[in-house]
């Protein structure tokens, strides 16, 4: 299989050390947001994060919280350090917190980053309910910090 991001003569096993694995379960999976944030669309690998539950925050944004007997289905993206910074800005660190977790993807255990809100308030969120923000929330989200007490 041809890997267009792999330069001739590069060691394919060295790629994971230069890229960060990020487990995504919301807007970072949508192609239009990937193009907006990273300049391109990613091919994501399906993954399951055990011991967490998916919630819909009262502010309208999805979040995950620890829950021993539940799991969250999402996808794994491999990001460069610059793309990871863009994702941090998008997720409004410290509004969301980037945490290191272990998950399973294609029957392999992988250490990955995930954006969480452990103290977030919300309600149950069906897995198939995908975030469908319009352009207005996209613009307002950048200024969310100005409206928080």
N, C-alpha and C. Protein backbone atom coordinates (compact mmCIF):
# COMPACT_ATOMS: atom_id res chain seq x y z
N UNK A 1 0.83 -1.18 0.00
CA UNK A 1 0.00 0.00 0.00
C UNK A 1 0.88 1.25 0.00
N UNK A 2 0.62 2.16 -0.91
CA UNK A 2 1.42 3.37 -1.03
C UNK A 2 1.04 4.37 0.07
N UNK A 3 2.04 4.96 0.70
CA UNK A 3 1.82 5.95 1.74
C UNK A 3 2.34 7.29 1.24
N UNK A 4 1.45 8.19 0.76
CA UNK A 4 1.91 9.43 0.15
C UNK A 4 2.65 10.35 1.11
N UNK A 5 2.45 10.21 2.43
CA UNK A 5 3.13 11.08 3.38
C UNK A 5 4.53 10.58 3.71
N UNK A 6 4.87 9.37 3.25
CA UNK A 6 6.16 8.77 3.56
C UNK A 6 7.16 9.15 2.48
N UNK A 7 8.24 9.84 2.89
CA UNK A 7 9.26 10.25 1.94
C UNK A 7 10.11 9.05 1.53
N UNK A 8 10.61 9.04 0.29
CA UNK A 8 11.46 7.93 -0.15
C UNK A 8 12.66 7.76 0.79
N UNK A 9 12.91 6.53 1.18
CA UNK A 9 14.03 6.22 2.06
C UNK A 9 13.73 6.38 3.54
N UNK A 10 12.54 6.90 3.88
CA UNK A 10 12.19 7.07 5.30
C UNK A 10 11.78 5.73 5.91
N UNK A 11 12.05 5.59 7.17
CA UNK A 11 11.69 4.37 7.89
C UNK A 11 10.23 4.46 8.34
N UNK A 12 9.33 3.59 7.82
CA UNK A 12 7.92 3.68 8.20
C UNK A 12 7.67 3.42 9.68
N UNK A 13 8.57 2.71 10.37
CA UNK A 13 8.39 2.46 11.78
C UNK A 13 8.72 3.68 12.62
N UNK A 14 9.40 4.67 12.04
CA UNK A 14 9.75 5.88 12.77
C UNK A 14 8.58 6.88 12.80
N UNK A 15 7.58 6.66 11.94
CA UNK A 15 6.47 7.61 11.87
C UNK A 15 5.74 7.82 13.19
N UNK A 16 5.34 6.77 13.92
CA UNK A 16 4.60 6.99 15.16
C UNK A 16 5.32 7.87 16.17
N UNK A 17 6.66 7.87 16.20
CA UNK A 17 7.36 8.71 17.17
C UNK A 17 7.25 10.19 16.81
N UNK A 18 7.02 10.50 15.54
CA UNK A 18 6.89 11.89 15.11
C UNK A 18 5.45 12.36 15.10
N UNK A 19 4.53 11.43 15.11
CA UNK A 19 3.11 11.77 15.06
C UNK A 19 2.45 11.41 16.38
N UNK A 20 1.42 12.18 16.74
CA UNK A 20 0.68 11.91 17.97
C UNK A 20 -0.65 11.27 17.63
N UNK A 21 -0.98 10.17 18.30
CA UNK A 21 -2.28 9.53 18.13
C UNK A 21 -3.30 10.29 18.98
N UNK A 22 -4.44 10.64 18.36
CA UNK A 22 -5.50 11.37 19.05
C UNK A 22 -6.81 10.63 18.81
N UNK A 23 -7.49 10.26 19.90
CA UNK A 23 -8.80 9.62 19.81
C UNK A 23 -9.85 10.72 19.69
N UNK A 24 -10.66 10.64 18.63
CA UNK A 24 -11.66 11.68 18.36
C UNK A 24 -13.06 11.06 18.36
N UNK A 25 -14.03 11.84 18.83
CA UNK A 25 -15.40 11.35 18.92
C UNK A 25 -16.42 12.42 18.54
N UNK A 26 -15.97 13.53 17.96
CA UNK A 26 -16.88 14.63 17.64
C UNK A 26 -16.44 15.39 16.39
N UNK A 27 -16.35 16.71 16.52
CA UNK A 27 -16.11 17.56 15.36
C UNK A 27 -14.79 17.29 14.66
N UNK A 28 -13.78 16.81 15.37
CA UNK A 28 -12.49 16.55 14.70
C UNK A 28 -12.60 15.42 13.68
N UNK A 29 -13.71 14.68 13.68
CA UNK A 29 -13.91 13.62 12.68
C UNK A 29 -14.59 14.14 11.42
N UNK A 30 -15.15 15.33 11.47
CA UNK A 30 -15.88 15.85 10.31
C UNK A 30 -14.91 16.45 9.30
N UNK A 31 -15.02 16.05 8.01
CA UNK A 31 -14.07 16.51 7.00
C UNK A 31 -13.95 18.03 6.89
N UNK A 32 -15.06 18.76 7.00
CA UNK A 32 -14.95 20.22 6.84
C UNK A 32 -14.14 20.85 7.97
N UNK A 33 -14.20 20.30 9.17
CA UNK A 33 -13.41 20.82 10.28
C UNK A 33 -11.95 20.41 10.14
N UNK A 34 -11.72 19.21 9.64
CA UNK A 34 -10.34 18.78 9.40
C UNK A 34 -9.67 19.69 8.37
N UNK A 35 -10.39 20.00 7.29
CA UNK A 35 -9.82 20.90 6.28
C UNK A 35 -9.59 22.29 6.85
N UNK A 36 -10.51 22.77 7.68
CA UNK A 36 -10.39 24.09 8.28
C UNK A 36 -9.21 24.16 9.26
N UNK A 37 -9.04 23.13 10.09
CA UNK A 37 -8.01 23.14 11.12
C UNK A 37 -6.64 22.69 10.63
N UNK A 38 -6.63 21.66 9.79
CA UNK A 38 -5.36 21.02 9.41
C UNK A 38 -5.01 21.18 7.94
N UNK A 39 -5.93 21.74 7.15
CA UNK A 39 -5.65 21.95 5.74
C UNK A 39 -5.88 20.73 4.87
N UNK A 40 -6.36 19.64 5.45
CA UNK A 40 -6.64 18.44 4.66
C UNK A 40 -7.57 17.52 5.44
N UNK A 41 -8.12 16.54 4.74
CA UNK A 41 -8.99 15.53 5.34
C UNK A 41 -8.14 14.32 5.70
N UNK A 42 -8.41 13.71 6.85
CA UNK A 42 -7.68 12.54 7.31
C UNK A 42 -8.48 11.26 7.06
N UNK A 43 -7.76 10.16 6.91
CA UNK A 43 -8.38 8.84 6.94
C UNK A 43 -8.22 8.35 8.37
N UNK A 44 -9.34 8.16 9.05
CA UNK A 44 -9.30 7.78 10.46
C UNK A 44 -9.45 6.28 10.63
N UNK A 45 -8.83 5.75 11.68
CA UNK A 45 -8.95 4.33 12.02
C UNK A 45 -9.99 4.18 13.13
N UNK A 46 -10.95 3.27 12.97
CA UNK A 46 -11.94 3.07 14.04
C UNK A 46 -11.26 2.61 15.33
N UNK A 47 -11.79 3.10 16.45
CA UNK A 47 -11.21 2.75 17.75
C UNK A 47 -12.31 2.77 18.81
N UNK A 48 -12.06 2.06 19.91
CA UNK A 48 -13.00 2.02 21.03
C UNK A 48 -12.22 2.36 22.30
N UNK A 49 -12.76 3.30 23.07
CA UNK A 49 -12.17 3.70 24.34
C UNK A 49 -13.03 3.12 25.46
N UNK A 50 -12.51 2.10 26.15
CA UNK A 50 -13.25 1.44 27.23
C UNK A 50 -13.06 2.20 28.54
N UNK A 51 -14.11 2.17 29.38
CA UNK A 51 -14.03 2.82 30.68
C UNK A 51 -14.43 4.28 30.65
N UNK A 52 -15.04 4.72 29.56
CA UNK A 52 -15.49 6.11 29.41
C UNK A 52 -16.90 6.10 28.84
N UNK A 53 -17.65 7.20 29.05
CA UNK A 53 -18.99 7.33 28.48
C UNK A 53 -19.09 8.66 27.74
N UNK A 54 -19.93 8.65 26.72
CA UNK A 54 -20.16 9.83 25.90
C UNK A 54 -21.35 10.60 26.44
N UNK A 55 -21.21 11.90 26.58
CA UNK A 55 -22.27 12.76 27.10
C UNK A 55 -22.44 13.96 26.16
N UNK A 56 -23.62 14.54 26.17
CA UNK A 56 -23.86 15.80 25.46
C UNK A 56 -23.94 16.87 26.53
N UNK A 57 -22.97 17.78 26.51
CA UNK A 57 -22.95 18.84 27.52
C UNK A 57 -24.13 19.78 27.34
N UNK A 58 -24.52 20.43 28.41
CA UNK A 58 -25.64 21.37 28.34
C UNK A 58 -25.31 22.57 27.46
N UNK A 59 -24.03 22.74 27.14
CA UNK A 59 -23.63 23.81 26.23
C UNK A 59 -23.70 23.37 24.76
N UNK A 60 -24.10 22.10 24.51
CA UNK A 60 -24.25 21.61 23.14
C UNK A 60 -23.03 20.90 22.57
N UNK A 61 -21.95 20.79 23.35
CA UNK A 61 -20.74 20.12 22.88
C UNK A 61 -20.62 18.74 23.53
N UNK A 62 -20.17 17.77 22.73
CA UNK A 62 -19.99 16.42 23.25
C UNK A 62 -18.78 16.38 24.17
N UNK A 63 -18.84 15.47 25.16
CA UNK A 63 -17.74 15.28 26.07
C UNK A 63 -17.72 13.82 26.51
N UNK A 64 -16.58 13.40 27.02
CA UNK A 64 -16.50 12.05 27.59
C UNK A 64 -16.04 12.16 29.02
N UNK A 65 -16.53 11.21 29.83
CA UNK A 65 -16.19 11.15 31.24
C UNK A 65 -15.93 9.70 31.62
N UNK A 66 -15.10 9.47 32.65
CA UNK A 66 -14.84 8.09 33.09
C UNK A 66 -16.12 7.39 33.54
N UNK A 67 -16.25 6.15 33.15
CA UNK A 67 -17.38 5.30 33.53
C UNK A 67 -16.94 3.86 33.33
N UNK A 68 -16.75 3.10 34.41
CA UNK A 68 -16.08 1.80 34.32
C UNK A 68 -16.70 0.77 33.38
N UNK A 69 -18.02 0.77 33.19
CA UNK A 69 -18.65 -0.30 32.42
C UNK A 69 -19.18 0.17 31.06
N UNK A 70 -18.70 1.29 30.57
CA UNK A 70 -19.15 1.79 29.27
C UNK A 70 -17.97 2.00 28.36
N UNK A 71 -18.25 2.28 27.10
CA UNK A 71 -17.19 2.55 26.14
C UNK A 71 -17.67 3.57 25.12
N UNK A 72 -16.73 4.21 24.47
CA UNK A 72 -17.01 5.23 23.47
C UNK A 72 -16.39 4.79 22.15
N UNK A 73 -17.20 4.80 21.11
CA UNK A 73 -16.68 4.51 19.77
C UNK A 73 -16.26 5.82 19.13
N UNK A 74 -15.13 5.79 18.48
CA UNK A 74 -14.62 6.97 17.81
C UNK A 74 -13.61 6.55 16.76
N UNK A 75 -12.68 7.42 16.49
CA UNK A 75 -11.64 7.13 15.51
C UNK A 75 -10.32 7.72 15.96
N UNK A 76 -9.27 7.17 15.41
CA UNK A 76 -7.92 7.57 15.75
C UNK A 76 -7.33 8.37 14.60
N UNK A 77 -6.82 9.57 14.92
CA UNK A 77 -6.12 10.40 13.94
C UNK A 77 -4.65 10.48 14.37
N UNK A 78 -3.75 10.52 13.39
CA UNK A 78 -2.32 10.70 13.67
C UNK A 78 -1.96 12.11 13.24
N UNK A 79 -1.59 12.95 14.22
CA UNK A 79 -1.34 14.36 13.97
C UNK A 79 0.13 14.73 14.20
N UNK A 80 0.60 15.69 13.41
CA UNK A 80 1.93 16.25 13.61
C UNK A 80 1.88 17.17 14.83
N UNK A 81 3.03 17.57 15.37
CA UNK A 81 3.01 18.50 16.51
C UNK A 81 2.26 19.81 16.20
N UNK A 82 2.38 20.31 14.98
CA UNK A 82 1.68 21.54 14.60
C UNK A 82 0.17 21.31 14.55
N UNK A 83 -0.24 20.17 14.01
CA UNK A 83 -1.66 19.84 13.96
C UNK A 83 -2.22 19.60 15.35
N UNK A 84 -1.42 19.03 16.25
CA UNK A 84 -1.86 18.81 17.63
C UNK A 84 -2.08 20.16 18.32
N UNK A 85 -1.23 21.14 18.05
CA UNK A 85 -1.43 22.48 18.61
C UNK A 85 -2.72 23.10 18.08
N UNK A 86 -2.99 22.90 16.79
CA UNK A 86 -4.24 23.42 16.21
C UNK A 86 -5.44 22.74 16.86
N UNK A 87 -5.35 21.44 17.12
CA UNK A 87 -6.44 20.73 17.80
C UNK A 87 -6.61 21.24 19.23
N UNK A 88 -5.49 21.52 19.92
CA UNK A 88 -5.57 22.08 21.27
C UNK A 88 -6.29 23.42 21.25
N UNK A 89 -5.96 24.27 20.29
CA UNK A 89 -6.62 25.57 20.17
C UNK A 89 -8.11 25.39 19.89
N UNK A 90 -8.45 24.45 19.02
CA UNK A 90 -9.85 24.20 18.68
C UNK A 90 -10.63 23.71 19.90
N UNK A 91 -10.02 22.83 20.68
CA UNK A 91 -10.69 22.26 21.84
C UNK A 91 -10.62 23.18 23.06
N UNK A 92 -10.09 24.36 22.87
CA UNK A 92 -10.06 25.39 23.92
C UNK A 92 -9.49 24.87 25.24
N UNK A 93 -8.25 24.37 25.18
CA UNK A 93 -7.57 23.98 26.41
C UNK A 93 -7.51 25.23 27.28
N UNK A 94 -7.95 25.29 28.52
CA UNK A 94 -8.30 24.20 29.41
C UNK A 94 -9.80 23.88 29.49
N UNK A 95 -10.65 24.46 28.59
CA UNK A 95 -12.07 24.11 28.60
C UNK A 95 -12.22 22.59 28.49
N UNK A 96 -11.55 22.02 27.49
CA UNK A 96 -11.35 20.57 27.42
C UNK A 96 -9.93 20.32 27.90
N UNK A 97 -9.67 19.13 28.39
CA UNK A 97 -8.34 18.78 28.85
C UNK A 97 -7.83 17.62 28.00
N UNK A 98 -6.60 17.73 27.53
CA UNK A 98 -6.01 16.63 26.77
C UNK A 98 -5.36 15.67 27.76
N UNK A 99 -5.81 14.40 27.72
CA UNK A 99 -5.30 13.37 28.63
C UNK A 99 -4.74 12.20 27.83
N UNK A 100 -3.78 11.52 28.43
CA UNK A 100 -3.19 10.31 27.84
C UNK A 100 -4.00 9.10 28.32
N UNK A 101 -4.45 8.27 27.38
CA UNK A 101 -5.22 7.06 27.71
C UNK A 101 -4.72 5.91 26.84
N UNK A 102 -5.13 4.71 27.21
CA UNK A 102 -4.83 3.52 26.41
C UNK A 102 -6.14 3.02 25.81
N UNK A 103 -6.16 2.76 24.52
CA UNK A 103 -7.38 2.26 23.87
C UNK A 103 -7.04 1.13 22.92
N UNK A 104 -8.09 0.54 22.36
CA UNK A 104 -7.91 -0.55 21.40
C UNK A 104 -8.33 -0.08 20.02
N UNK A 105 -7.46 -0.31 19.05
CA UNK A 105 -7.75 -0.03 17.65
C UNK A 105 -7.22 -1.18 16.82
N UNK A 106 -8.10 -1.81 16.08
CA UNK A 106 -7.71 -2.98 15.26
C UNK A 106 -7.00 -4.03 16.11
N UNK A 107 -7.57 -4.30 17.28
CA UNK A 107 -7.08 -5.31 18.22
C UNK A 107 -5.67 -5.04 18.74
N UNK A 108 -5.25 -3.76 18.74
CA UNK A 108 -3.96 -3.40 19.30
C UNK A 108 -4.19 -2.36 20.40
N UNK A 109 -3.43 -2.46 21.47
CA UNK A 109 -3.47 -1.44 22.53
C UNK A 109 -2.58 -0.28 22.11
N UNK A 110 -3.11 0.93 22.18
CA UNK A 110 -2.38 2.12 21.73
C UNK A 110 -2.50 3.21 22.79
N UNK A 111 -1.36 3.83 23.12
CA UNK A 111 -1.37 5.02 23.97
C UNK A 111 -1.74 6.20 23.08
N UNK A 112 -2.75 6.96 23.50
CA UNK A 112 -3.24 8.05 22.68
C UNK A 112 -3.68 9.23 23.53
N UNK A 113 -3.84 10.37 22.89
CA UNK A 113 -4.41 11.54 23.55
C UNK A 113 -5.91 11.55 23.31
N UNK A 114 -6.65 12.13 24.25
CA UNK A 114 -8.09 12.32 24.10
C UNK A 114 -8.47 13.61 24.82
N UNK A 115 -9.45 14.32 24.28
CA UNK A 115 -9.93 15.55 24.91
C UNK A 115 -11.12 15.22 25.80
N UNK A 116 -11.03 15.59 27.09
CA UNK A 116 -12.05 15.24 28.07
C UNK A 116 -12.52 16.49 28.82
N UNK A 117 -13.68 16.35 29.45
CA UNK A 117 -14.18 17.33 30.41
C UNK A 117 -14.74 16.55 31.58
N UNK A 118 -13.88 16.17 32.51
CA UNK A 118 -14.28 15.32 33.64
C UNK A 118 -15.37 15.97 34.48
N UNK A 119 -15.34 17.28 34.63
CA UNK A 119 -16.31 17.98 35.47
C UNK A 119 -17.50 18.51 34.68
N UNK A 120 -17.56 18.22 33.39
CA UNK A 120 -18.65 18.74 32.56
C UNK A 120 -20.00 18.18 32.95
N UNK A 121 -21.02 18.97 32.83
CA UNK A 121 -22.39 18.54 33.10
C UNK A 121 -23.07 18.25 31.78
N UNK A 122 -23.90 17.19 31.74
CA UNK A 122 -24.57 16.87 30.49
C UNK A 122 -25.55 15.74 30.67
N UNK A 123 -26.06 15.30 29.53
CA UNK A 123 -27.04 14.22 29.51
C UNK A 123 -26.52 13.11 28.61
N UNK A 124 -27.20 11.98 28.62
CA UNK A 124 -26.81 10.86 27.76
C UNK A 124 -26.81 11.31 26.31
N UNK A 125 -25.88 10.76 25.57
CA UNK A 125 -25.74 11.14 24.17
C UNK A 125 -25.70 9.89 23.31
N UNK A 126 -26.66 9.70 22.40
CA UNK A 126 -26.60 8.54 21.51
C UNK A 126 -25.34 8.60 20.66
N UNK A 127 -24.69 7.45 20.46
CA UNK A 127 -23.46 7.42 19.69
C UNK A 127 -23.63 7.92 18.27
N UNK A 128 -24.79 7.68 17.68
CA UNK A 128 -24.97 8.06 16.28
C UNK A 128 -25.37 9.52 16.11
N UNK A 129 -25.44 10.28 17.18
CA UNK A 129 -25.75 11.69 17.09
C UNK A 129 -24.45 12.45 16.86
N UNK A 130 -24.19 12.82 15.62
CA UNK A 130 -22.94 13.50 15.29
C UNK A 130 -23.13 15.00 15.40
N UNK A 131 -22.06 15.67 15.75
CA UNK A 131 -22.10 17.11 15.88
C UNK A 131 -22.27 17.73 14.49
N UNK A 132 -23.23 18.61 14.36
CA UNK A 132 -23.46 19.27 13.07
C UNK A 132 -23.55 20.77 13.30
N UNK A 133 -22.42 21.35 13.65
CA UNK A 133 -22.39 22.79 13.89
C UNK A 133 -22.58 23.55 12.58
N UNK A 134 -23.22 24.69 12.65
CA UNK A 134 -23.29 25.59 11.50
C UNK A 134 -22.11 26.54 11.59
N UNK A 135 -21.98 27.43 10.63
CA UNK A 135 -20.85 28.35 10.65
C UNK A 135 -20.93 29.33 11.81
N UNK A 136 -22.13 29.66 12.30
CA UNK A 136 -22.25 30.60 13.42
C UNK A 136 -21.56 30.06 14.67
N UNK A 137 -21.86 28.82 15.12
CA UNK A 137 -21.13 28.31 16.28
C UNK A 137 -19.64 28.17 16.01
N UNK A 138 -19.25 27.93 14.76
CA UNK A 138 -17.83 27.82 14.42
C UNK A 138 -17.13 29.14 14.73
N UNK A 139 -17.78 30.25 14.40
CA UNK A 139 -17.20 31.56 14.68
C UNK A 139 -17.29 31.87 16.17
N UNK A 140 -18.44 31.61 16.79
CA UNK A 140 -18.63 31.92 18.21
C UNK A 140 -17.71 31.11 19.11
N UNK A 141 -17.41 29.88 18.70
CA UNK A 141 -16.58 29.01 19.53
C UNK A 141 -15.21 29.64 19.80
N UNK A 142 -14.67 30.37 18.84
CA UNK A 142 -13.37 31.01 19.01
C UNK A 142 -13.39 32.06 20.12
N UNK A 143 -14.58 32.58 20.42
CA UNK A 143 -14.70 33.66 21.40
C UNK A 143 -15.39 33.20 22.67
N UNK A 144 -15.53 31.89 22.86
CA UNK A 144 -16.23 31.34 24.02
C UNK A 144 -15.64 31.84 25.34
N UNK A 145 -14.31 31.95 25.39
CA UNK A 145 -13.65 32.35 26.64
C UNK A 145 -14.08 33.74 27.11
N UNK A 146 -14.54 34.59 26.20
CA UNK A 146 -14.96 35.93 26.58
C UNK A 146 -16.29 35.94 27.34
N UNK A 147 -17.08 34.87 27.18
CA UNK A 147 -18.41 34.82 27.77
C UNK A 147 -18.48 33.97 29.03
N UNK A 148 -17.36 33.36 29.40
CA UNK A 148 -17.36 32.52 30.60
C UNK A 148 -17.08 33.37 31.83
N UNK A 149 -17.76 33.01 32.91
CA UNK A 149 -17.58 33.79 34.16
C UNK A 149 -16.30 33.39 34.86
